[in-house]
PDB file of N, CA and C in Angstrom:
ATOM      1  N   UNK A   1      10.743  21.059  74.901  1.00  0.00           N
ATOM      2  CA  UNK A   1      10.326  20.193  73.830  1.00  0.00           C
ATOM      3  C   UNK A   1      11.567  19.533  73.235  1.00  0.00           C
ATOM      4  N   UNK A   2      11.579  18.268  73.247  1.00  0.00           N
ATOM      5  CA  UNK A   2      12.749  17.529  72.790  1.00  0.00           C
ATOM      6  C   UNK A   2      12.546  16.936  71.406  1.00  0.00           C
ATOM      7  N   UNK A   3      11.435  17.097  70.797  1.00  0.00           N
ATOM      8  CA  UNK A   3      11.195  16.538  69.475  1.00  0.00           C
ATOM      9  C   UNK A   3      10.212  15.384  69.543  1.00  0.00           C
ATOM     10  N   UNK A   4      10.238  14.578  68.525  1.00  0.00           N
ATOM     11  CA  UNK A   4       9.293  13.470  68.441  1.00  0.00           C
ATOM     12  C   UNK A   4       9.887  12.245  69.112  1.00  0.00           C
ATOM     13  N   UNK A   5       9.045  11.544  69.806  1.00  0.00           N
ATOM     14  CA  UNK A   5       9.478  10.308  70.464  1.00  0.00           C
ATOM     15  C   UNK A   5       9.415   9.157  69.467  1.00  0.00           C
ATOM     16  N   UNK A   6       9.931   8.024  69.863  1.00  0.00           N
ATOM     17  CA  UNK A   6       9.894   6.843  68.992  1.00  0.00           C
ATOM     18  C   UNK A   6       8.465   6.446  68.658  1.00  0.00           C
ATOM     19  N   UNK A   7       7.578   6.612  69.613  1.00  0.00           N
ATOM     20  CA  UNK A   7       6.173   6.261  69.397  1.00  0.00           C
ATOM     21  C   UNK A   7       5.569   7.172  68.329  1.00  0.00           C
ATOM     22  N   UNK A   8       5.906   8.457  68.355  1.00  0.00           N
ATOM     23  CA  UNK A   8       5.395   9.397  67.353  1.00  0.00           C
ATOM     24  C   UNK A   8       5.896   9.025  65.954  1.00  0.00           C
ATOM     25  N   UNK A   9       7.170   8.654  65.843  1.00  0.00           N
ATOM     26  CA  UNK A   9       7.726   8.264  64.534  1.00  0.00           C
ATOM     27  C   UNK A   9       7.046   7.008  64.013  1.00  0.00           C
ATOM     28  N   UNK A  10       6.731   6.096  64.867  1.00  0.00           N
ATOM     29  CA  UNK A  10       6.047   4.870  64.464  1.00  0.00           C
ATOM     30  C   UNK A  10       4.674   5.200  63.885  1.00  0.00           C
ATOM     31  N   UNK A  11       3.976   6.131  64.505  1.00  0.00           N
ATOM     32  CA  UNK A  11       2.665   6.542  63.991  1.00  0.00           C
ATOM     33  C   UNK A  11       2.787   7.215  62.632  1.00  0.00           C
ATOM     34  N   UNK A  12       3.802   8.065  62.453  1.00  0.00           N
ATOM     35  CA  UNK A  12       4.002   8.757  61.171  1.00  0.00           C
ATOM     36  C   UNK A  12       4.317   7.746  60.076  1.00  0.00           C
ATOM     37  N   UNK A  13       5.249   6.820  60.368  1.00  0.00           N
ATOM     38  CA  UNK A  13       5.610   5.800  59.380  1.00  0.00           C
ATOM     39  C   UNK A  13       4.402   4.913  59.076  1.00  0.00           C
ATOM     40  N   UNK A  14       3.632   4.558  60.079  1.00  0.00           N
ATOM     41  CA  UNK A  14       2.430   3.749  59.864  1.00  0.00           C
ATOM     42  C   UNK A  14       1.410   4.480  59.017  1.00  0.00           C
ATOM     43  N   UNK A  15       1.221   5.764  59.281  1.00  0.00           N
ATOM     44  CA  UNK A  15       0.260   6.556  58.498  1.00  0.00           C
ATOM     45  C   UNK A  15       0.711   6.655  57.042  1.00  0.00           C
ATOM     46  N   UNK A  16       2.012   6.878  56.839  1.00  0.00           N
ATOM     47  CA  UNK A  16       2.538   6.948  55.468  1.00  0.00           C
ATOM     48  C   UNK A  16       2.363   5.593  54.780  1.00  0.00           C
ATOM     49  N   UNK A  17       2.609   4.500  55.491  1.00  0.00           N
ATOM     50  CA  UNK A  17       2.435   3.158  54.927  1.00  0.00           C
ATOM     51  C   UNK A  17       1.000   2.886  54.534  1.00  0.00           C
ATOM     52  N   UNK A  18       0.073   3.257  55.398  1.00  0.00           N
ATOM     53  CA  UNK A  18      -1.351   3.051  55.093  1.00  0.00           C
ATOM     54  C   UNK A  18      -1.761   3.913  53.894  1.00  0.00           C
ATOM     55  N   UNK A  19      -1.282   5.150  53.849  1.00  0.00           N
ATOM     56  CA  UNK A  19      -1.598   6.030  52.726  1.00  0.00           C
ATOM     57  C   UNK A  19      -1.050   5.452  51.418  1.00  0.00           C
ATOM     58  N   UNK A  20       0.196   4.974  51.439  1.00  0.00           N
ATOM     59  CA  UNK A  20       0.794   4.373  50.244  1.00  0.00           C
ATOM     60  C   UNK A  20       0.017   3.132  49.820  1.00  0.00           C
ATOM     61  N   UNK A  21      -0.411   2.327  50.790  1.00  0.00           N
ATOM     62  CA  UNK A  21      -1.197   1.136  50.474  1.00  0.00           C
ATOM     63  C   UNK A  21      -2.522   1.506  49.813  1.00  0.00           C
ATOM     64  N   UNK A  22      -3.204   2.513  50.367  1.00  0.00           N
ATOM     65  CA  UNK A  22      -4.497   2.943  49.802  1.00  0.00           C
ATOM     66  C   UNK A  22      -4.323   3.507  48.395  1.00  0.00           C
ATOM     67  N   UNK A  23      -3.252   4.275  48.177  1.00  0.00           N
ATOM     68  CA  UNK A  23      -2.992   4.814  46.836  1.00  0.00           C
ATOM     69  C   UNK A  23      -2.723   3.668  45.867  1.00  0.00           C
ATOM     70  N   UNK A  24      -1.959   2.656  46.307  1.00  0.00           N
ATOM     71  CA  UNK A  24      -1.667   1.504  45.450  1.00  0.00           C
ATOM     72  C   UNK A  24      -2.939   0.744  45.097  1.00  0.00           C
ATOM     73  N   UNK A  25      -3.787   0.512  46.082  1.00  0.00           N
ATOM     74  CA  UNK A  25      -5.047  -0.203  45.831  1.00  0.00           C
ATOM     75  C   UNK A  25      -5.925   0.593  44.862  1.00  0.00           C
ATOM     76  N   UNK A  26      -6.018   1.892  45.066  1.00  0.00           N
ATOM     77  CA  UNK A  26      -6.829   2.735  44.171  1.00  0.00           C
ATOM     78  C   UNK A  26      -6.263   2.704  42.759  1.00  0.00           C
ATOM     79  N   UNK A  27      -4.955   2.786  42.618  1.00  0.00           N
ATOM     80  CA  UNK A  27      -4.330   2.777  41.290  1.00  0.00           C
ATOM     81  C   UNK A  27      -4.583   1.456  40.576  1.00  0.00           C
ATOM     82  N   UNK A  28      -4.384   0.356  41.263  1.00  0.00           N
ATOM     83  CA  UNK A  28      -4.611  -0.960  40.651  1.00  0.00           C
ATOM     84  C   UNK A  28      -6.074  -1.118  40.258  1.00  0.00           C
ATOM     85  N   UNK A  29      -6.976  -0.664  41.102  1.00  0.00           N
ATOM     86  CA  UNK A  29      -8.406  -0.770  40.797  1.00  0.00           C
ATOM     87  C   UNK A  29      -8.765   0.039  39.557  1.00  0.00           C
ATOM     88  N   UNK A  30      -8.265   1.258  39.467  1.00  0.00           N
ATOM     89  CA  UNK A  30      -8.566   2.108  38.311  1.00  0.00           C
ATOM     90  C   UNK A  30      -7.992   1.509  37.034  1.00  0.00           C
ATOM     91  N   UNK A  31      -6.765   1.019  37.101  1.00  0.00           N
ATOM     92  CA  UNK A  31      -6.147   0.412  35.917  1.00  0.00           C
ATOM     93  C   UNK A  31      -6.924  -0.818  35.472  1.00  0.00           C
ATOM     94  N   UNK A  32      -7.326  -1.657  36.406  1.00  0.00           N
ATOM     95  CA  UNK A  32      -8.076  -2.863  36.052  1.00  0.00           C
ATOM     96  C   UNK A  32      -9.442  -2.522  35.468  1.00  0.00           C
ATOM     97  N   UNK A  33     -10.106  -1.522  36.026  1.00  0.00           N
ATOM     98  CA  UNK A  33     -11.393  -1.094  35.458  1.00  0.00           C
ATOM     99  C   UNK A  33     -11.213  -0.587  34.034  1.00  0.00           C
ATOM    100  N   UNK A  34     -10.144   0.155  33.804  1.00  0.00           N
ATOM    101  CA  UNK A  34      -9.860   0.647  32.453  1.00  0.00           C
ATOM    102  C   UNK A  34      -9.609  -0.490  31.484  1.00  0.00           C
ATOM    103  N   UNK A  35      -8.846  -1.501  31.914  1.00  0.00           N
ATOM    104  CA  UNK A  35      -8.576  -2.648  31.043  1.00  0.00           C
ATOM    105  C   UNK A  35      -9.850  -3.422  30.751  1.00  0.00           C
ATOM    106  N   UNK A  36     -10.701  -3.583  31.758  1.00  0.00           N
ATOM    107  CA  UNK A  36     -11.960  -4.295  31.567  1.00  0.00           C
ATOM    108  C   UNK A  36     -12.862  -3.553  30.588  1.00  0.00           C
ATOM    109  N   UNK A  37     -12.951  -2.243  30.751  1.00  0.00           N
ATOM    110  CA  UNK A  37     -13.783  -1.439  29.851  1.00  0.00           C
ATOM    111  C   UNK A  37     -13.242  -1.509  28.423  1.00  0.00           C
ATOM    112  N   UNK A  38     -11.927  -1.399  28.274  1.00  0.00           N
ATOM    113  CA  UNK A  38     -11.318  -1.456  26.944  1.00  0.00           C
ATOM    114  C   UNK A  38     -11.577  -2.812  26.300  1.00  0.00           C
ATOM    115  N   UNK A  39     -11.459  -3.889  27.074  1.00  0.00           N
ATOM    116  CA  UNK A  39     -11.715  -5.231  26.537  1.00  0.00           C
ATOM    117  C   UNK A  39     -13.174  -5.371  26.102  1.00  0.00           C
ATOM    118  N   UNK A  40     -14.077  -4.793  26.886  1.00  0.00           N
ATOM    119  CA  UNK A  40     -15.497  -4.854  26.538  1.00  0.00           C
ATOM    120  C   UNK A  40     -15.767  -4.103  25.227  1.00  0.00           C
ATOM    121  N   UNK A  41     -15.171  -2.922  25.069  1.00  0.00           N
ATOM    122  CA  UNK A  41     -15.348  -2.157  23.832  1.00  0.00           C
ATOM    123  C   UNK A  41     -14.744  -2.891  22.634  1.00  0.00           C
ATOM    124  N   UNK A  42     -13.579  -3.508  22.832  1.00  0.00           N
ATOM    125  CA  UNK A  42     -12.957  -4.246  21.734  1.00  0.00           C
ATOM    126  C   UNK A  42     -13.804  -5.445  21.331  1.00  0.00           C
ATOM    127  N   UNK A  43     -14.408  -6.115  22.299  1.00  0.00           N
ATOM    128  CA  UNK A  43     -15.280  -7.250  21.985  1.00  0.00           C
ATOM    129  C   UNK A  43     -16.513  -6.775  21.214  1.00  0.00           C
ATOM    130  N   UNK A  44     -17.073  -5.652  21.626  1.00  0.00           N
ATOM    131  CA  UNK A  44     -18.244  -5.109  20.920  1.00  0.00           C
ATOM    132  C   UNK A  44     -17.864  -4.714  19.497  1.00  0.00           C
ATOM    133  N   UNK A  45     -16.688  -4.123  19.342  1.00  0.00           N
ATOM    134  CA  UNK A  45     -16.236  -3.714  18.010  1.00  0.00           C
ATOM    135  C   UNK A  45     -15.992  -4.945  17.145  1.00  0.00           C
ATOM    136  N   UNK A  46     -15.446  -6.006  17.728  1.00  0.00           N
ATOM    137  CA  UNK A  46     -15.219  -7.243  16.974  1.00  0.00           C
ATOM    138  C   UNK A  46     -16.551  -7.828  16.516  1.00  0.00           C
ATOM    139  N   UNK A  47     -17.572  -7.775  17.375  1.00  0.00           N
ATOM    140  CA  UNK A  47     -18.908  -8.256  16.983  1.00  0.00           C
ATOM    141  C   UNK A  47     -19.464  -7.420  15.828  1.00  0.00           C
ATOM    142  N   UNK A  48     -19.260  -6.106  15.894  1.00  0.00           N
ATOM    143  CA  UNK A  48     -19.730  -5.238  14.809  1.00  0.00           C
ATOM    144  C   UNK A  48     -19.037  -5.590  13.498  1.00  0.00           C
ATOM    145  N   UNK A  49     -17.721  -5.808  13.544  1.00  0.00           N
ATOM    146  CA  UNK A  49     -16.988  -6.168  12.334  1.00  0.00           C
ATOM    147  C   UNK A  49     -17.444  -7.524  11.801  1.00  0.00           C
ATOM    148  N   UNK A  50     -17.712  -8.469  12.704  1.00  0.00           N
ATOM    149  CA  UNK A  50     -18.181  -9.791  12.280  1.00  0.00           C
ATOM    150  C   UNK A  50     -19.535  -9.673  11.576  1.00  0.00           C
ATOM    151  N   UNK A  51     -20.444  -8.880  12.154  1.00  0.00           N
ATOM    152  CA  UNK A  51     -21.755  -8.686  11.528  1.00  0.00           C
ATOM    153  C   UNK A  51     -21.624  -7.995  10.178  1.00  0.00           C
ATOM    154  N   UNK A  52     -20.724  -7.029  10.096  1.00  0.00           N
ATOM    155  CA  UNK A  52     -20.496  -6.340   8.824  1.00  0.00           C
ATOM    156  C   UNK A  52     -19.959  -7.309   7.777  1.00  0.00           C
ATOM    157  N   UNK A  53     -19.028  -8.177   8.175  1.00  0.00           N
ATOM    158  CA  UNK A  53     -18.476  -9.165   7.244  1.00  0.00           C
ATOM    159  C   UNK A  53     -19.551 -10.149   6.792  1.00  0.00           C
ATOM    160  N   UNK A  54     -20.406 -10.579   7.712  1.00  0.00           N
ATOM    161  CA  UNK A  54     -21.487 -11.499   7.342  1.00  0.00           C
ATOM    162  C   UNK A  54     -22.445 -10.835   6.356  1.00  0.00           C
ATOM    163  N   UNK A  55     -22.779  -9.582   6.608  1.00  0.00           N
ATOM    164  CA  UNK A  55     -23.669  -8.853   5.704  1.00  0.00           C
ATOM    165  C   UNK A  55     -23.039  -8.700   4.332  1.00  0.00           C
ATOM    166  N   UNK A  56     -21.746  -8.377   4.304  1.00  0.00           N
ATOM    167  CA  UNK A  56     -21.042  -8.230   3.026  1.00  0.00           C
ATOM    168  C   UNK A  56     -21.021  -9.552   2.265  1.00  0.00           C
ATOM    169  N   UNK A  57     -20.797 -10.660   2.968  1.00  0.00           N
ATOM    170  CA  UNK A  57     -20.775 -11.971   2.313  1.00  0.00           C
ATOM    171  C   UNK A  57     -22.149 -12.321   1.754  1.00  0.00           C
ATOM    172  N   UNK A  58     -23.210 -12.027   2.514  1.00  0.00           N
ATOM    173  CA  UNK A  58     -24.566 -12.298   2.030  1.00  0.00           C
ATOM    174  C   UNK A  58     -24.888 -11.445   0.810  1.00  0.00           C
ATOM    175  N   UNK A  59     -24.485 -10.183   0.868  1.00  0.00           N
ATOM    176  CA  UNK A  59     -24.739  -9.283  -0.259  1.00  0.00           C
ATOM    177  C   UNK A  59     -23.987  -9.743  -1.492  1.00  0.00           C
ATOM    178  N   UNK A  60     -22.751 -10.166  -1.302  1.00  0.00           N
ATOM    179  CA  UNK A  60     -21.950 -10.643  -2.428  1.00  0.00           C
ATOM    180  C   UNK A  60     -22.578 -11.898  -3.041  1.00  0.00           C
ATOM    181  N   UNK A  61     -23.068 -12.801  -2.211  1.00  0.00           N
ATOM    182  CA  UNK A  61     -23.720 -14.008  -2.721  1.00  0.00           C
ATOM    183  C   UNK A  61     -24.990 -13.651  -3.491  1.00  0.00           C
ATOM    184  N   UNK A  62     -25.740 -12.701  -2.973  1.00  0.00           N
ATOM    185  CA  UNK A  62     -26.963 -12.263  -3.670  1.00  0.00           C
ATOM    186  C   UNK A  62     -26.613 -11.616  -5.009  1.00  0.00           C
ATOM    187  N   UNK A  63     -25.562 -10.805  -5.033  1.00  0.00           N
ATOM    188  CA  UNK A  63     -25.131 -10.181  -6.288  1.00  0.00           C
ATOM    189  C   UNK A  63     -24.690 -11.230  -7.303  1.00  0.00           C
ATOM    190  N   UNK A  64     -23.989 -12.252  -6.853  1.00  0.00           N
ATOM    191  CA  UNK A  64     -23.555 -13.321  -7.757  1.00  0.00           C
ATOM    192  C   UNK A  64     -24.770 -14.041  -8.329  1.00  0.00           C
ATOM    193  N   UNK A  65     -25.773 -14.285  -7.491  1.00  0.00           N
ATOM    194  CA  UNK A  65     -26.996 -14.941  -7.969  1.00  0.00           C
ATOM    195  C   UNK A  65     -27.710 -14.088  -9.006  1.00  0.00           C
ATOM    196  N   UNK A  66     -27.811 -12.787  -8.735  1.00  0.00           N
ATOM    197  CA  UNK A  66     -28.470 -11.879  -9.678  1.00  0.00           C
ATOM    198  C   UNK A  66     -27.703 -11.784 -10.990  1.00  0.00           C
ATOM    199  N   UNK A  67     -26.381 -11.741 -10.913  1.00  0.00           N
ATOM    200  CA  UNK A  67     -25.579 -11.691 -12.136  1.00  0.00           C
ATOM    201  C   UNK A  67     -25.741 -12.959 -12.958  1.00  0.00           C
ATOM    202  N   UNK A  68     -25.819 -14.103 -12.300  1.00  0.00           N
ATOM    203  CA  UNK A  68     -26.028 -15.365 -13.020  1.00  0.00           C
ATOM    204  C   UNK A  68     -27.391 -15.359 -13.710  1.00  0.00           C
ATOM    205  N   UNK A  69     -28.409 -14.840 -13.015  1.00  0.00           N
ATOM    206  CA  UNK A  69     -29.746 -14.761 -13.614  1.00  0.00           C
ATOM    207  C   UNK A  69     -29.737 -13.818 -14.821  1.00  0.00           C
ATOM    208  N   UNK A  70     -29.058 -12.681 -14.681  1.00  0.00           N
ATOM    209  CA  UNK A  70     -28.975 -11.735 -15.806  1.00  0.00           C
ATOM    210  C   UNK A  70     -28.208 -12.337 -16.978  1.00  0.00           C
ATOM    211  N   UNK A  71     -27.169 -13.101 -16.690  1.00  0.00           N
ATOM    212  CA  UNK A  71     -26.400 -13.744 -17.746  1.00  0.00           C
ATOM    213  C   UNK A  71     -27.286 -14.716 -18.524  1.00  0.00           C
ATOM    214  N   UNK A  72     -28.114 -15.458 -17.780  1.00  0.00           N
ATOM    215  CA  UNK A  72     -29.038 -16.379 -18.445  1.00  0.00           C
ATOM    216  C   UNK A  72     -30.033 -15.636 -19.328  1.00  0.00           C
ATOM    217  N   UNK A  73     -30.561 -14.541 -18.831  1.00  0.00           N
ATOM    218  CA  UNK A  73     -31.525 -13.754 -19.624  1.00  0.00           C
ATOM    219  C   UNK A  73     -30.862 -13.166 -20.868  1.00  0.00           C
ATOM    220  N   UNK A  74     -29.657 -12.643 -20.695  1.00  0.00           N
ATOM    221  CA  UNK A  74     -28.954 -12.064 -21.851  1.00  0.00           C
ATOM    222  C   UNK A  74     -28.624 -13.139 -22.879  1.00  0.00           C
ATOM    223  N   UNK A  75     -28.291 -14.340 -22.405  1.00  0.00           N
ATOM    224  CA  UNK A  75     -28.037 -15.442 -23.338  1.00  0.00           C
ATOM    225  C   UNK A  75     -29.289 -15.769 -24.136  1.00  0.00           C
ATOM    226  N   UNK A  76     -30.435 -15.780 -23.457  1.00  0.00           N
ATOM    227  CA  UNK A  76     -31.697 -16.034 -24.152  1.00  0.00           C
ATOM    228  C   UNK A  76     -32.024 -14.934 -25.147  1.00  0.00           C
ATOM    229  N   UNK A  77     -31.772 -13.689 -24.757  1.00  0.00           N
ATOM    230  CA  UNK A  77     -32.033 -12.571 -25.676  1.00  0.00           C
ATOM    231  C   UNK A  77     -31.106 -12.644 -26.888  1.00  0.00           C
ATOM    232  N   UNK A  78     -29.871 -13.048 -26.674  1.00  0.00           N
ATOM    233  CA  UNK A  78     -28.917 -13.166 -27.783  1.00  0.00           C
ATOM    234  C   UNK A  78     -29.394 -14.233 -28.769  1.00  0.00           C
ATOM    235  N   UNK A  79     -29.885 -15.340 -28.259  1.00  0.00           N
ATOM    236  CA  UNK A  79     -30.391 -16.413 -29.112  1.00  0.00           C
ATOM    237  C   UNK A  79     -31.576 -15.922 -29.934  1.00  0.00           C
ATOM    238  N   UNK A  80     -32.507 -15.212 -29.279  1.00  0.00           N
ATOM    239  CA  UNK A  80     -33.680 -14.697 -29.999  1.00  0.00           C
ATOM    240  C   UNK A  80     -33.285 -13.650 -31.039  1.00  0.00           C
ATOM    241  N   UNK A  81     -32.304 -12.799 -30.708  1.00  0.00           N
ATOM    242  CA  UNK A  81     -31.857 -11.785 -31.668  1.00  0.00           C
ATOM    243  C   UNK A  81     -31.213 -12.446 -32.889  1.00  0.00           C
ATOM    244  N   UNK A  82     -30.466 -13.504 -32.675  1.00  0.00           N
ATOM    245  CA  UNK A  82     -29.839 -14.217 -33.788  1.00  0.00           C
ATOM    246  C   UNK A  82     -30.913 -14.811 -34.697  1.00  0.00           C
ATOM    247  N   UNK A  83     -31.942 -15.416 -34.094  1.00  0.00           N
ATOM    248  CA  UNK A  83     -33.044 -15.974 -34.881  1.00  0.00           C
ATOM    249  C   UNK A  83     -33.769 -14.869 -35.653  1.00  0.00           C
ATOM    250  N   UNK A  84     -33.993 -13.726 -34.985  1.00  0.00           N
ATOM    251  CA  UNK A  84     -34.689 -12.612 -35.629  1.00  0.00           C
ATOM    252  C   UNK A  84     -33.876 -12.075 -36.799  1.00  0.00           C
ATOM    253  N   UNK A  85     -32.568 -11.968 -36.630  1.00  0.00           N
ATOM    254  CA  UNK A  85     -31.706 -11.511 -37.732  1.00  0.00           C
ATOM    255  C   UNK A  85     -31.773 -12.473 -38.903  1.00  0.00           C
ATOM    256  N   UNK A  86     -31.787 -13.777 -38.590  1.00  0.00           N
ATOM    257  CA  UNK A  86     -31.859 -14.791 -39.640  1.00  0.00           C
ATOM    258  C   UNK A  86     -33.179 -14.663 -40.409  1.00  0.00           C
ATOM    259  N   UNK A  87     -34.285 -14.468 -39.676  1.00  0.00           N
ATOM    260  CA  UNK A  87     -35.594 -14.333 -40.306  1.00  0.00           C
ATOM    261  C   UNK A  87     -35.631 -13.063 -41.163  1.00  0.00           C
ATOM    262  N   UNK A  88     -35.092 -11.980 -40.654  1.00  0.00           N
ATOM    263  CA  UNK A  88     -35.096 -10.730 -41.429  1.00  0.00           C
ATOM    264  C   UNK A  88     -34.222 -10.852 -42.674  1.00  0.00           C
ATOM    265  N   UNK A  89     -33.113 -11.572 -42.540  1.00  0.00           N
ATOM    266  CA  UNK A  89     -32.226 -11.760 -43.698  1.00  0.00           C
ATOM    267  C   UNK A  89     -32.920 -12.602 -44.750  1.00  0.00           C
ATOM    268  N   UNK A  90     -33.702 -13.607 -44.336  1.00  0.00           N
ATOM    269  CA  UNK A  90     -34.406 -14.470 -45.295  1.00  0.00           C
ATOM    270  C   UNK A  90     -35.541 -13.713 -45.977  1.00  0.00           C
ATOM    271  N   UNK A  91     -36.155 -12.771 -45.279  1.00  0.00           N
ATOM    272  CA  UNK A  91     -37.267 -12.018 -45.840  1.00  0.00           C
ATOM    273  C   UNK A  91     -36.760 -11.079 -46.944  1.00  0.00           C
ATOM    274  N   UNK A  92     -35.571 -10.526 -46.715  1.00  0.00           N
ATOM    275  CA  UNK A  92     -35.016  -9.615 -47.744  1.00  0.00           C
ATOM    276  C   UNK A  92     -34.805 -10.357 -48.973  1.00  0.00           C
TER     277      UNK A  92
END
């Protein structure tokens, strides 16, 4: 037995090359799938934040409307209380 011939070494180097190529392809595929999944989750999270912001803006606008309505009612009550005080003062 004299060892491996040139043909045997070529097969070993070729097998190692094919194995390295397959590992590289698998690694790139896994990394790209991970990036795609992460991008999809980030987009979904951005949509959730956008919906939350829209809801908060609508709620704030509704609160401002309600506060304006309450301010108007309190102004009317203040006017009536002033008139009532005047009437009570005149009766005394």
